[in-house]
Each structure stands twice: as structure tokens, then as C-alpha cells.
Amino acid sequence: MGIDTFQTFGNPIELASKEVFRPYFDANPLRSSGQGFASLYMWSQQRYAVIDGLLCIAGQGWFGQEYGGPFLYPPLSADGQYDPEHLRKVILQAKEMLRDPDWGFRLFGVPGKCVPLYDEALAGYAERKENRDNWDYIYRRSDLETLSGRKYTKKRNHLNHFYATHRYLYESIRPEHVPELMEGLERFSSRRAARDAFDELIQEEILAVKKILPVYEQIGMFGGLIRIDGVVKAFALGSRHTADTVEVTVEKADPTIRGLYQAINREFAASLPAEILYINREEDMGVEGLRQAKKSYYPCCMLEVSSYEFLQT
């Protein structure tokens, strides 16, 4: 399938799409971080269409999956109710619009609790695959805020070292901070490149963050930054995923400052309103270093998701 064919599917995801998606998202709180508006807009080589009443969001190529073909997220209804036959009809219609003769067609990001529905709807049409690389890490907000208990001893040591050796200021991000955040992003990324291989993931992430920073408020994001001697050294951006959960989409810090990542993590968690009980820190994409970093904060649970690979016909 050429890119021109994909571009004929529905509409591109733009800022105005947020209001189109709102009723579908509100009716379906059980969604992976990949199906949050901030992530969709940030990584928006993706398009959407409403097919027979269901919101269908599609993309091409899934990072880290060695798959470059078309995919569909789980279609969403405006009332949160689903019939297997109707769901199958919509997915197959989207498949015919998107299927690539070389790559085929896949469904990504089906939450574990929805697997029985999709197994029934897609029986004989697709095979379910475990998709561990895209499970979301869910943390108790109180754990990230207090870092209490023996399991967080190393985190507290790094954090206490930072607090003891730096005079810092944490403040909420405002639109006038965007130029400073852009400059800080370049500094942090160049230092990371000097330490690690400047791989495809880092490059793509920089471009994605640059895209959302100027419009973070319109997307529905909010966040905080840390200054040391007046200079931005770390920042985090997140958005409401559900009524009691915030999804952290961006977390950047100067990697040369011990305890700074622990500090921005803790300060952002502490700044959230009382009704926020959980923090979704997204998936690890199968990157081993990222996986170990996310596991080291001890998630209270994982949002398990599966993929479906459609049989070639």
C-alpha cells in the first residue's frame, strides 16, 4: 500500500480532532496510552474515520514492532457498548480500506479485559498475539510522590542527594516557558547523544516533543519544570487520561545531574490535584533500558494489551 492510499482513509489527526474524539474517549476509559489524544497528536502519522458509528483510528507502521504496514486501534463507540458482529463488520470494512498486499493488516492496543470480545468478533479472521512491549506501566500517585518503603531506597538516595546539593525551583509550565523548554530539550538530547547511540527513537521523540510544545495547552496537557540557577534543567508534561489517572507523555532532564530525574518525577506527582490516584507512564516499546527504568519505580499494575494479526486471504 502506498502512502497515497493511506492518506485517503478518513481525516488527519489535528488539534480540532480533540473535540471529535472527546465523547468516544469519555465513554471508553479503558484505553492504552497510545489511544490518548496527546500521544495521537504527538505521533500523528495517523488518521481517523467514523465507520458505522465507531471511531476508527489508524496508523502506518508501529515503532519497535518491525512492522511497517497499516494498523487500527480498537474502534470506540460513543456509549461504551459493543456487539461482536457489529465490531467485526466495522473492523473488516476498515481492513478493506487499509490493507496492504505486502504487509497485511493488524489491530494494536486491545486491552486485556476486551480480549474476549475481540476473540469472538475476529474468530477465523485474525490471530491474537501478546504485545508485551506496549503494556502501559501504571503507578500509584502516592508511591511516586513519597517514594516510601525499602524498595525505593535507591531512588530516595538519588533524590536526597539532589535536594542536598542544589538550590532549585519547581514551577508549573506556562506558555511563555516554551522557548526555554525547546532550548532545554536540545541541550538534554545532545548530552544524551554523547552518552548513548543517537538512535532512531531519540530522533523521533525530539521531533514529536517539538511539535507539541507550542500547542501543549490546546492538546490538554499541563506540566512542571525545574530550574537550577535560573536555567531550566528538567520538565514533564502530562494530560488527563481518565477521571483519576494522568498520563505522563514527556519527561526530560539533564542526564548529568544526579537525582534530577527522580526530582522531576516526584515534584510533578506531588503537584497533581487530590483526585488523581494513578499515573500512567506509558509503555517501554521493548527498549531494555527503558523497561528497567520503568520497572524500577514498581508499577502497581500493568495495562496489558494484545494485537491481532489478520490472516492473509
C-alpha atoms as a PDB file:
ATOM      1  CA  MET A   1       0.000   0.000   0.000  1.00  0.00           C
ATOM      2  CA  GLY A   2       1.439   3.347  -0.969  1.00  0.00           C
ATOM      3  CA  ILE A   3       1.266   6.334   1.316  1.00  0.00           C
ATOM      4  CA  ASP A   4      -1.272   7.985  -1.023  1.00  0.00           C
ATOM      5  CA  THR A   5      -3.714   5.147  -0.363  1.00  0.00           C
ATOM      6  CA  PHE A   6      -3.310   5.523   3.393  1.00  0.00           C
ATOM      7  CA  GLN A   7      -3.908   9.272   3.071  1.00  0.00           C
ATOM      8  CA  THR A   8      -7.355   8.593   1.643  1.00  0.00           C
ATOM      9  CA  PHE A   9      -8.507   6.997   4.915  1.00  0.00           C
ATOM     10  CA  GLY A  10     -10.717   9.451   6.780  1.00  0.00           C
ATOM     11  CA  ASN A  11      -9.079  12.585   8.129  1.00  0.00           C
ATOM     12  CA  PRO A  12      -5.702  13.543   9.605  1.00  0.00           C
ATOM     13  CA  ILE A  13      -5.460  13.978  13.387  1.00  0.00           C
ATOM     14  CA  GLU A  14      -5.359  17.719  14.047  1.00  0.00           C
ATOM     15  CA  LEU A  15      -5.989  19.942  17.063  1.00  0.00           C
ATOM     16  CA  ALA A  16      -9.689  20.172  16.165  1.00  0.00           C
ATOM     17  CA  SER A  17      -9.905  16.364  16.309  1.00  0.00           C
ATOM     18  CA  LYS A  18      -9.756  16.566  20.123  1.00  0.00           C
ATOM     19  CA  GLU A  19     -13.413  17.617  20.295  1.00  0.00           C
ATOM     20  CA  VAL A  20     -14.432  14.926  17.803  1.00  0.00           C
ATOM     21  CA  PHE A  21     -12.747  12.271  19.943  1.00  0.00           C
ATOM     22  CA  ARG A  22     -13.992  13.522  23.325  1.00  0.00           C
ATOM     23  CA  PRO A  23     -17.319  11.624  23.565  1.00  0.00           C
ATOM     24  CA  TYR A  24     -15.687   8.384  22.422  1.00  0.00           C
ATOM     25  CA  PHE A  25     -12.823   8.741  24.894  1.00  0.00           C
ATOM     26  CA  ASP A  26     -15.169   9.659  27.753  1.00  0.00           C
ATOM     27  CA  ALA A  27     -17.229   6.516  27.122  1.00  0.00           C
ATOM     28  CA  ASN A  28     -14.146   4.288  26.979  1.00  0.00           C
ATOM     29  CA  PRO A  29     -11.793   4.974  29.904  1.00  0.00           C
ATOM     30  CA  LEU A  30     -10.110   1.578  29.368  1.00  0.00           C
ATOM     31  CA  ARG A  31      -7.725   2.696  26.627  1.00  0.00           C
ATOM     32  CA  SER A  32      -3.989   2.306  26.290  1.00  0.00           C
ATOM     33  CA  SER A  33      -1.781   5.394  26.433  1.00  0.00           C
ATOM     34  CA  GLY A  34      -1.351   5.116  22.672  1.00  0.00           C
ATOM     35  CA  GLN A  35      -5.018   5.976  22.329  1.00  0.00           C
ATOM     36  CA  GLY A  36      -4.824   9.178  24.350  1.00  0.00           C
ATOM     37  CA  PHE A  37      -5.152  12.416  22.413  1.00  0.00           C
ATOM     38  CA  ALA A  38      -1.748  13.796  23.429  1.00  0.00           C
ATOM     39  CA  SER A  39       0.023  10.689  22.146  1.00  0.00           C
ATOM     40  CA  LEU A  40      -2.078  10.512  18.998  1.00  0.00           C
ATOM     41  CA  TYR A  41      -1.327  14.117  18.135  1.00  0.00           C
ATOM     42  CA  MET A  42       2.313  13.857  19.159  1.00  0.00           C
ATOM     43  CA  TRP A  43       2.953  10.815  16.961  1.00  0.00           C
ATOM     44  CA  SER A  44       0.372  11.765  14.385  1.00  0.00           C
ATOM     45  CA  GLN A  45       1.273   9.845  11.280  1.00  0.00           C
ATOM     46  CA  GLN A  46      -2.239   8.626  11.994  1.00  0.00           C
ATOM     47  CA  ARG A  47      -5.726   9.243  10.664  1.00  0.00           C
ATOM     48  CA  TYR A  48      -9.303   8.614  11.762  1.00  0.00           C
ATOM     49  CA  ALA A  49     -12.738   7.876  10.382  1.00  0.00           C
ATOM     50  CA  VAL A  50     -16.132   7.226  11.961  1.00  0.00           C
ATOM     51  CA  ILE A  51     -17.390   3.983  10.435  1.00  0.00           C
ATOM     52  CA  ASP A  52     -20.969   2.946  11.207  1.00  0.00           C
ATOM     53  CA  GLY A  53     -20.883   4.860  14.493  1.00  0.00           C
ATOM     54  CA  LEU A  54     -17.439   3.686  15.707  1.00  0.00           C
ATOM     55  CA  LEU A  55     -14.355   5.894  15.886  1.00  0.00           C
ATOM     56  CA  CYS A  56     -11.580   4.139  13.977  1.00  0.00           C
ATOM     57  CA  ILE A  57      -8.049   5.499  14.403  1.00  0.00           C
ATOM     58  CA  ALA A  58      -5.470   4.073  12.029  1.00  0.00           C
ATOM     59  CA  GLY A  59      -1.752   4.375  11.525  1.00  0.00           C
ATOM     60  CA  GLN A  60       1.020   3.029   9.357  1.00  0.00           C
ATOM     61  CA  GLY A  61       3.998   1.247  10.876  1.00  0.00           C
ATOM     62  CA  TRP A  62       4.268   0.536  14.602  1.00  0.00           C
ATOM     63  CA  PHE A  63       7.526   1.656  16.172  1.00  0.00           C
ATOM     64  CA  GLY A  64       9.600  -1.159  17.572  1.00  0.00           C
ATOM     65  CA  GLN A  65       7.416  -3.901  16.088  1.00  0.00           C
ATOM     66  CA  GLU A  66       9.363  -4.454  12.846  1.00  0.00           C
ATOM     67  CA  TYR A  67       6.051  -3.830  11.141  1.00  0.00           C
ATOM     68  CA  GLY A  68       5.619  -1.129   8.524  1.00  0.00           C
ATOM     69  CA  GLY A  69       2.057  -1.783   7.419  1.00  0.00           C
ATOM     70  CA  PRO A  70      -1.361  -0.371   8.340  1.00  0.00           C
ATOM     71  CA  PHE A  71      -2.883  -0.868  11.771  1.00  0.00           C
ATOM     72  CA  LEU A  72      -6.058   0.036  13.599  1.00  0.00           C
ATOM     73  CA  TYR A  73      -6.584   0.818  17.267  1.00  0.00           C
ATOM     74  CA  PRO A  74      -9.658  -0.756  18.917  1.00  0.00           C
ATOM     75  CA  PRO A  75     -12.695   1.058  17.453  1.00  0.00           C
ATOM     76  CA  LEU A  76     -14.560   3.132  20.054  1.00  0.00           C
ATOM     77  CA  SER A  77     -18.295   3.614  20.461  1.00  0.00           C
ATOM     78  CA  ALA A  78     -19.869   6.769  21.867  1.00  0.00           C
ATOM     79  CA  ASP A  79     -21.684   4.804  24.591  1.00  0.00           C
ATOM     80  CA  GLY A  80     -19.061   2.212  25.501  1.00  0.00           C
ATOM     81  CA  GLN A  81     -21.269  -0.651  24.313  1.00  0.00           C
ATOM     82  CA  TYR A  82     -20.259  -3.203  21.677  1.00  0.00           C
ATOM     83  CA  ASP A  83     -21.791  -6.040  19.693  1.00  0.00           C
ATOM     84  CA  PRO A  84     -19.292  -8.593  18.319  1.00  0.00           C
ATOM     85  CA  GLU A  85     -20.960  -8.781  14.891  1.00  0.00           C
ATOM     86  CA  HIS A  86     -21.096  -5.009  14.512  1.00  0.00           C
ATOM     87  CA  LEU A  87     -17.500  -4.687  15.708  1.00  0.00           C
ATOM     88  CA  ARG A  88     -16.343  -7.312  13.213  1.00  0.00           C
ATOM     89  CA  LYS A  89     -18.201  -5.572  10.377  1.00  0.00           C
ATOM     90  CA  VAL A  90     -16.542  -2.229  11.146  1.00  0.00           C
ATOM     91  CA  ILE A  91     -13.050  -3.696  11.531  1.00  0.00           C
ATOM     92  CA  LEU A  92     -13.329  -5.626   8.274  1.00  0.00           C
ATOM     93  CA  GLN A  93     -14.538  -2.517   6.495  1.00  0.00           C
ATOM     94  CA  ALA A  94     -11.521  -0.586   7.814  1.00  0.00           C
ATOM     95  CA  LYS A  95      -9.293  -3.506   6.802  1.00  0.00           C
ATOM     96  CA  GLU A  96     -10.503  -3.338   3.214  1.00  0.00           C
ATOM     97  CA  MET A  97      -9.775   0.391   3.146  1.00  0.00           C
ATOM     98  CA  LEU A  98      -6.296  -0.006   4.620  1.00  0.00           C
ATOM     99  CA  ARG A  99      -4.925  -3.494   3.905  1.00  0.00           C
ATOM    100  CA  ASP A 100      -1.511  -3.654   2.266  1.00  0.00           C
ATOM    101  CA  PRO A 101      -0.844  -6.596  -0.089  1.00  0.00           C
ATOM    102  CA  ASP A 102       2.703  -6.970   1.303  1.00  0.00           C
ATOM    103  CA  TRP A 103       2.234  -6.162   4.987  1.00  0.00           C
ATOM    104  CA  GLY A 104      -1.362  -7.223   5.515  1.00  0.00           C
ATOM    105  CA  PHE A 105      -3.299  -5.552   8.343  1.00  0.00           C
ATOM    106  CA  ARG A 106      -3.141  -5.549  12.147  1.00  0.00           C
ATOM    107  CA  LEU A 107      -5.066  -4.386  15.175  1.00  0.00           C
ATOM    108  CA  PHE A 108      -2.987  -2.928  18.020  1.00  0.00           C
ATOM    109  CA  GLY A 109      -3.645  -1.984  21.639  1.00  0.00           C
ATOM    110  CA  VAL A 110      -6.584  -4.194  22.650  1.00  0.00           C
ATOM    111  CA  PRO A 111      -6.798  -4.071  26.484  1.00  0.00           C
ATOM    112  CA  GLY A 112      -6.799  -7.424  28.268  1.00  0.00           C
ATOM    113  CA  LYS A 113     -10.350  -7.004  29.559  1.00  0.00           C
ATOM    114  CA  CYS A 114     -11.564  -6.554  25.981  1.00  0.00           C
ATOM    115  CA  VAL A 115      -9.841  -9.674  24.618  1.00  0.00           C
ATOM    116  CA  PRO A 116     -12.909 -11.974  24.971  1.00  0.00           C
ATOM    117  CA  LEU A 117     -14.956  -9.514  22.885  1.00  0.00           C
ATOM    118  CA  TYR A 118     -12.304  -9.324  20.174  1.00  0.00           C
ATOM    119  CA  ASP A 119     -11.645 -13.069  20.221  1.00  0.00           C
ATOM    120  CA  GLU A 120     -15.322 -13.590  19.468  1.00  0.00           C
ATOM    121  CA  ALA A 121     -15.541 -10.813  16.891  1.00  0.00           C
ATOM    122  CA  LEU A 122     -12.425 -11.865  14.982  1.00  0.00           C
ATOM    123  CA  ALA A 123     -12.599 -15.656  15.230  1.00  0.00           C
ATOM    124  CA  GLY A 124     -11.480 -17.088  11.906  1.00  0.00           C
ATOM    125  CA  TYR A 125     -10.223 -13.701  10.684  1.00  0.00           C
ATOM    126  CA  ALA A 126      -7.209 -12.919  12.855  1.00  0.00           C
ATOM    127  CA  GLU A 127      -4.768 -14.431  15.335  1.00  0.00           C
ATOM    128  CA  ARG A 128      -4.175 -12.801  18.705  1.00  0.00           C
ATOM    129  CA  LYS A 129      -0.571 -12.057  19.686  1.00  0.00           C
ATOM    130  CA  GLU A 130       0.872 -10.996  23.033  1.00  0.00           C
ATOM    131  CA  ASN A 131       2.110  -7.422  22.790  1.00  0.00           C
ATOM    132  CA  ARG A 132       4.243  -7.050  25.956  1.00  0.00           C
ATOM    133  CA  ASP A 133       6.337  -4.202  24.528  1.00  0.00           C
ATOM    134  CA  ASN A 134       3.255  -1.986  24.571  1.00  0.00           C
ATOM    135  CA  TRP A 135       1.854  -2.714  28.011  1.00  0.00           C
ATOM    136  CA  ASP A 136       1.355   0.504  29.980  1.00  0.00           C
ATOM    137  CA  TYR A 137       3.018   0.974  33.373  1.00  0.00           C
ATOM    138  CA  ILE A 138       0.506   2.215  35.976  1.00  0.00           C
ATOM    139  CA  TYR A 139       1.735   3.637  39.301  1.00  0.00           C
ATOM    140  CA  ARG A 140       0.044   4.841  42.448  1.00  0.00           C
ATOM    141  CA  ARG A 141       0.455   8.574  42.548  1.00  0.00           C
ATOM    142  CA  SER A 142       1.213   8.318  46.288  1.00  0.00           C
ATOM    143  CA  ASP A 143       4.129   5.938  45.603  1.00  0.00           C
ATOM    144  CA  LEU A 144       5.780   8.332  43.154  1.00  0.00           C
ATOM    145  CA  GLU A 145       5.155  11.268  45.467  1.00  0.00           C
ATOM    146  CA  THR A 146       6.511   9.743  48.689  1.00  0.00           C
ATOM    147  CA  LEU A 147       8.948   7.058  47.467  1.00  0.00           C
ATOM    148  CA  SER A 148       8.398   5.391  50.831  1.00  0.00           C
ATOM    149  CA  GLY A 149       9.496   1.882  51.732  1.00  0.00           C
ATOM    150  CA  ARG A 150      12.628  -0.205  51.314  1.00  0.00           C
ATOM    151  CA  LYS A 151      12.088  -0.838  47.607  1.00  0.00           C
ATOM    152  CA  TYR A 152      12.572   2.875  46.885  1.00  0.00           C
ATOM    153  CA  THR A 153      15.779   3.258  48.913  1.00  0.00           C
ATOM    154  CA  LYS A 154      17.994   3.866  45.860  1.00  0.00           C
ATOM    155  CA  LYS A 155      15.509   6.364  44.417  1.00  0.00           C
ATOM    156  CA  ARG A 156      15.373   8.251  47.712  1.00  0.00           C
ATOM    157  CA  ASN A 157      19.170   8.318  47.938  1.00  0.00           C
ATOM    158  CA  HIS A 158      19.420   9.920  44.486  1.00  0.00           C
ATOM    159  CA  LEU A 159      16.590  12.317  45.292  1.00  0.00           C
ATOM    160  CA  ASN A 160      18.049  13.327  48.666  1.00  0.00           C
ATOM    161  CA  HIS A 161      21.436  13.917  47.050  1.00  0.00           C
ATOM    162  CA  PHE A 162      19.788  16.276  44.571  1.00  0.00           C
ATOM    163  CA  TYR A 163      17.894  18.146  47.297  1.00  0.00           C
ATOM    164  CA  ALA A 164      21.050  18.446  49.416  1.00  0.00           C
ATOM    165  CA  THR A 165      23.321  19.731  46.653  1.00  0.00           C
ATOM    166  CA  HIS A 166      21.103  22.008  44.556  1.00  0.00           C
ATOM    167  CA  ARG A 167      19.009  25.082  45.129  1.00  0.00           C
ATOM    168  CA  TYR A 168      16.153  24.563  42.733  1.00  0.00           C
ATOM    169  CA  LEU A 169      12.774  25.971  41.835  1.00  0.00           C
ATOM    170  CA  TYR A 170       9.812  23.899  40.652  1.00  0.00           C
ATOM    171  CA  GLU A 171       7.085  25.783  38.813  1.00  0.00           C
ATOM    172  CA  SER A 172       4.099  24.997  36.634  1.00  0.00           C
ATOM    173  CA  ILE A 173       4.706  25.299  32.906  1.00  0.00           C
ATOM    174  CA  ARG A 174       3.179  28.345  31.234  1.00  0.00           C
ATOM    175  CA  PRO A 175       3.073  29.251  27.518  1.00  0.00           C
ATOM    176  CA  GLU A 176       5.877  31.791  27.919  1.00  0.00           C
ATOM    177  CA  HIS A 177       8.176  28.947  29.013  1.00  0.00           C
ATOM    178  CA  VAL A 178       8.002  27.174  25.644  1.00  0.00           C
ATOM    179  CA  PRO A 179      11.158  28.779  24.136  1.00  0.00           C
ATOM    180  CA  GLU A 180      13.147  27.774  27.238  1.00  0.00           C
ATOM    181  CA  LEU A 181      11.777  24.227  27.053  1.00  0.00           C
ATOM    182  CA  MET A 182      12.755  23.986  23.388  1.00  0.00           C
ATOM    183  CA  GLU A 183      16.277  25.123  24.238  1.00  0.00           C
ATOM    184  CA  GLY A 184      16.467  22.733  27.172  1.00  0.00           C
ATOM    185  CA  LEU A 185      15.275  19.850  25.016  1.00  0.00           C
ATOM    186  CA  GLU A 186      18.156  20.446  22.613  1.00  0.00           C
ATOM    187  CA  ARG A 187      20.691  20.531  25.470  1.00  0.00           C
ATOM    188  CA  PHE A 188      19.400  17.400  27.190  1.00  0.00           C
ATOM    189  CA  SER A 189      19.224  15.486  23.925  1.00  0.00           C
ATOM    190  CA  SER A 190      22.737  16.424  22.812  1.00  0.00           C
ATOM    191  CA  ARG A 191      24.115  15.273  26.165  1.00  0.00           C
ATOM    192  CA  ARG A 192      22.198  12.014  25.893  1.00  0.00           C
ATOM    193  CA  ALA A 193      23.564  11.558  22.357  1.00  0.00           C
ATOM    194  CA  ALA A 194      27.087  11.950  23.680  1.00  0.00           C
ATOM    195  CA  ARG A 195      26.403   9.219  26.240  1.00  0.00           C
ATOM    196  CA  ASP A 196      24.291   6.845  24.128  1.00  0.00           C
ATOM    197  CA  ALA A 197      23.871   5.975  20.488  1.00  0.00           C
ATOM    198  CA  PHE A 198      21.748   8.683  18.879  1.00  0.00           C
ATOM    199  CA  ASP A 199      19.249   6.161  17.611  1.00  0.00           C
ATOM    200  CA  GLU A 200      16.010   6.463  15.675  1.00  0.00           C
ATOM    201  CA  LEU A 201      13.863   6.554  18.803  1.00  0.00           C
ATOM    202  CA  ILE A 202      15.682   9.597  20.235  1.00  0.00           C
ATOM    203  CA  GLN A 203      15.456  11.466  16.942  1.00  0.00           C
ATOM    204  CA  GLU A 204      11.750  10.757  16.509  1.00  0.00           C
ATOM    205  CA  GLU A 205      10.988  11.689  20.100  1.00  0.00           C
ATOM    206  CA  ILE A 206      12.741  15.066  19.785  1.00  0.00           C
ATOM    207  CA  LEU A 207      10.692  15.918  16.696  1.00  0.00           C
ATOM    208  CA  ALA A 208       7.483  14.812  18.416  1.00  0.00           C
ATOM    209  CA  VAL A 209       8.143  16.903  21.549  1.00  0.00           C
ATOM    210  CA  LYS A 210       8.994  19.940  19.416  1.00  0.00           C
ATOM    211  CA  LYS A 211       5.664  19.510  17.678  1.00  0.00           C
ATOM    212  CA  ILE A 212       3.547  19.520  20.831  1.00  0.00           C
ATOM    213  CA  LEU A 213       5.335  22.162  22.930  1.00  0.00           C
ATOM    214  CA  PRO A 214       3.899  25.207  21.093  1.00  0.00           C
ATOM    215  CA  VAL A 215       0.341  23.831  21.402  1.00  0.00           C
ATOM    216  CA  TYR A 216       0.521  21.878  24.660  1.00  0.00           C
ATOM    217  CA  GLU A 217      -2.435  23.727  26.200  1.00  0.00           C
ATOM    218  CA  GLN A 218      -4.686  23.153  23.183  1.00  0.00           C
ATOM    219  CA  ILE A 219      -3.894  19.439  23.372  1.00  0.00           C
ATOM    220  CA  GLY A 220      -4.950  19.423  27.015  1.00  0.00           C
ATOM    221  CA  MET A 221      -1.502  18.990  28.505  1.00  0.00           C
ATOM    222  CA  PHE A 222      -0.005  20.548  31.636  1.00  0.00           C
ATOM    223  CA  GLY A 223       3.260  20.133  33.470  1.00  0.00           C
ATOM    224  CA  GLY A 224       6.088  21.465  35.538  1.00  0.00           C
ATOM    225  CA  LEU A 225       9.745  22.378  35.249  1.00  0.00           C
ATOM    226  CA  ILE A 226      12.787  22.536  37.499  1.00  0.00           C
ATOM    227  CA  ARG A 227      15.232  25.444  37.401  1.00  0.00           C
ATOM    228  CA  ILE A 228      18.715  25.475  38.828  1.00  0.00           C
ATOM    229  CA  ASP A 229      20.377  28.883  38.942  1.00  0.00           C
ATOM    230  CA  GLY A 230      17.523  30.185  36.811  1.00  0.00           C
ATOM    231  CA  VAL A 231      18.077  27.694  33.975  1.00  0.00           C
ATOM    232  CA  VAL A 232      15.532  25.024  33.028  1.00  0.00           C
ATOM    233  CA  LYS A 233      17.125  21.661  33.749  1.00  0.00           C
ATOM    234  CA  ALA A 234      14.114  19.346  33.638  1.00  0.00           C
ATOM    235  CA  PHE A 235      10.453  19.349  32.658  1.00  0.00           C
ATOM    236  CA  ALA A 236       7.474  16.986  32.477  1.00  0.00           C
ATOM    237  CA  LEU A 237       4.194  17.158  30.575  1.00  0.00           C
ATOM    238  CA  GLY A 238       1.081  15.061  31.076  1.00  0.00           C
ATOM    239  CA  SER A 239      -2.649  15.016  30.476  1.00  0.00           C
ATOM    240  CA  ARG A 240      -5.804  13.554  31.980  1.00  0.00           C
ATOM    241  CA  HIS A 241      -6.381  10.047  30.673  1.00  0.00           C
ATOM    242  CA  THR A 242      -9.343   9.252  32.922  1.00  0.00           C
ATOM    243  CA  ALA A 243     -11.001  10.948  35.894  1.00  0.00           C
ATOM    244  CA  ASP A 244      -8.412   9.588  38.348  1.00  0.00           C
ATOM    245  CA  THR A 245      -5.409   8.995  36.083  1.00  0.00           C
ATOM    246  CA  VAL A 246      -2.823  11.265  34.482  1.00  0.00           C
ATOM    247  CA  GLU A 247      -0.718  10.060  31.578  1.00  0.00           C
ATOM    248  CA  VAL A 248       2.868  11.339  31.542  1.00  0.00           C
ATOM    249  CA  THR A 249       3.865  11.780  27.907  1.00  0.00           C
ATOM    250  CA  VAL A 250       7.074  13.815  28.220  1.00  0.00           C
ATOM    251  CA  GLU A 251       9.774  13.743  30.902  1.00  0.00           C
ATOM    252  CA  LYS A 252      13.124  15.332  30.088  1.00  0.00           C
ATOM    253  CA  ALA A 253      16.080  16.208  32.288  1.00  0.00           C
ATOM    254  CA  ASP A 254      19.784  16.959  32.144  1.00  0.00           C
ATOM    255  CA  PRO A 255      21.245  13.439  32.461  1.00  0.00           C
ATOM    256  CA  THR A 256      24.458  14.726  34.044  1.00  0.00           C
ATOM    257  CA  ILE A 257      22.723  15.876  37.256  1.00  0.00           C
ATOM    258  CA  ARG A 258      22.342  13.090  39.816  1.00  0.00           C
ATOM    259  CA  GLY A 259      18.825  12.786  41.196  1.00  0.00           C
ATOM    260  CA  LEU A 260      17.266  15.211  38.715  1.00  0.00           C
ATOM    261  CA  TYR A 261      15.067  12.622  37.031  1.00  0.00           C
ATOM    262  CA  GLN A 262      13.861  11.451  40.443  1.00  0.00           C
ATOM    263  CA  ALA A 263      13.181  15.079  41.378  1.00  0.00           C
ATOM    264  CA  ILE A 264      11.071  15.981  38.323  1.00  0.00           C
ATOM    265  CA  ASN A 265       9.185  12.699  38.690  1.00  0.00           C
ATOM    266  CA  ARG A 266       8.457  13.355  42.366  1.00  0.00           C
ATOM    267  CA  GLU A 267       7.688  17.079  42.050  1.00  0.00           C
ATOM    268  CA  PHE A 268       5.257  16.534  39.163  1.00  0.00           C
ATOM    269  CA  ALA A 269       3.439  13.776  41.076  1.00  0.00           C
ATOM    270  CA  ALA A 270       3.194  15.999  44.162  1.00  0.00           C
ATOM    271  CA  SER A 271       1.738  18.876  42.105  1.00  0.00           C
ATOM    272  CA  LEU A 272      -1.266  16.897  40.854  1.00  0.00           C
ATOM    273  CA  PRO A 273      -4.763  17.531  42.260  1.00  0.00           C
ATOM    274  CA  ALA A 274      -6.016  15.252  45.029  1.00  0.00           C
ATOM    275  CA  GLU A 275      -8.427  13.320  42.799  1.00  0.00           C
ATOM    276  CA  ILE A 276      -5.549  11.914  40.741  1.00  0.00           C
ATOM    277  CA  LEU A 277      -4.775   8.492  42.206  1.00  0.00           C
ATOM    278  CA  TYR A 278      -2.769   6.905  39.400  1.00  0.00           C
ATOM    279  CA  ILE A 279      -0.074   7.871  36.929  1.00  0.00           C
ATOM    280  CA  ASN A 280       0.294   6.105  33.583  1.00  0.00           C
ATOM    281  CA  ARG A 281       3.899   6.316  32.427  1.00  0.00           C
ATOM    282  CA  GLU A 282       3.183   4.607  29.108  1.00  0.00           C
ATOM    283  CA  GLU A 283       4.925   1.625  27.521  1.00  0.00           C
ATOM    284  CA  ASP A 284       8.589   0.710  27.120  1.00  0.00           C
ATOM    285  CA  MET A 285       8.445  -0.238  23.388  1.00  0.00           C
ATOM    286  CA  GLY A 286      10.731  -3.169  24.108  1.00  0.00           C
ATOM    287  CA  VAL A 287      13.724  -0.897  24.798  1.00  0.00           C
ATOM    288  CA  GLU A 288      15.598  -2.728  27.553  1.00  0.00           C
ATOM    289  CA  GLY A 289      16.979   0.362  29.301  1.00  0.00           C
ATOM    290  CA  LEU A 290      13.552   1.987  29.319  1.00  0.00           C
ATOM    291  CA  ARG A 291      11.958  -1.212  30.598  1.00  0.00           C
ATOM    292  CA  GLN A 292      14.342  -1.432  33.539  1.00  0.00           C
ATOM    293  CA  ALA A 293      13.830   2.256  34.369  1.00  0.00           C
ATOM    294  CA  LYS A 294      10.047   1.873  34.415  1.00  0.00           C
ATOM    295  CA  LYS A 295      10.182  -1.357  36.434  1.00  0.00           C
ATOM    296  CA  SER A 296      12.463   0.321  38.991  1.00  0.00           C
ATOM    297  CA  TYR A 297       9.549   2.544  40.083  1.00  0.00           C
ATOM    298  CA  TYR A 298       7.431  -0.545  40.860  1.00  0.00           C
ATOM    299  CA  PRO A 299       4.133  -0.140  38.989  1.00  0.00           C
ATOM    300  CA  CYS A 300       1.053  -1.186  40.909  1.00  0.00           C
ATOM    301  CA  CYS A 301      -0.259  -2.844  37.743  1.00  0.00           C
ATOM    302  CA  MET A 302       0.242  -3.107  34.017  1.00  0.00           C
ATOM    303  CA  LEU A 303      -2.365  -2.330  31.385  1.00  0.00           C
ATOM    304  CA  GLU A 304      -1.946  -5.441  29.272  1.00  0.00           C
ATOM    305  CA  VAL A 305      -2.697  -5.137  25.574  1.00  0.00           C
ATOM    306  CA  SER A 306      -2.788  -7.613  22.713  1.00  0.00           C
ATOM    307  CA  SER A 307      -2.510  -7.285  18.958  1.00  0.00           C
ATOM    308  CA  TYR A 308      -4.359  -9.178  16.229  1.00  0.00           C
ATOM    309  CA  GLU A 309      -2.665 -10.208  13.021  1.00  0.00           C
ATOM    310  CA  PHE A 310      -5.156 -10.749  10.219  1.00  0.00           C
ATOM    311  CA  LEU A 311      -4.947 -13.883   8.151  1.00  0.00           C
ATOM    312  CA  GLN A 312      -3.875 -13.365   4.565  1.00  0.00           C
ATOM    313  CA  THR A 313      -6.713 -14.053   2.153  1.00  0.00           C
END
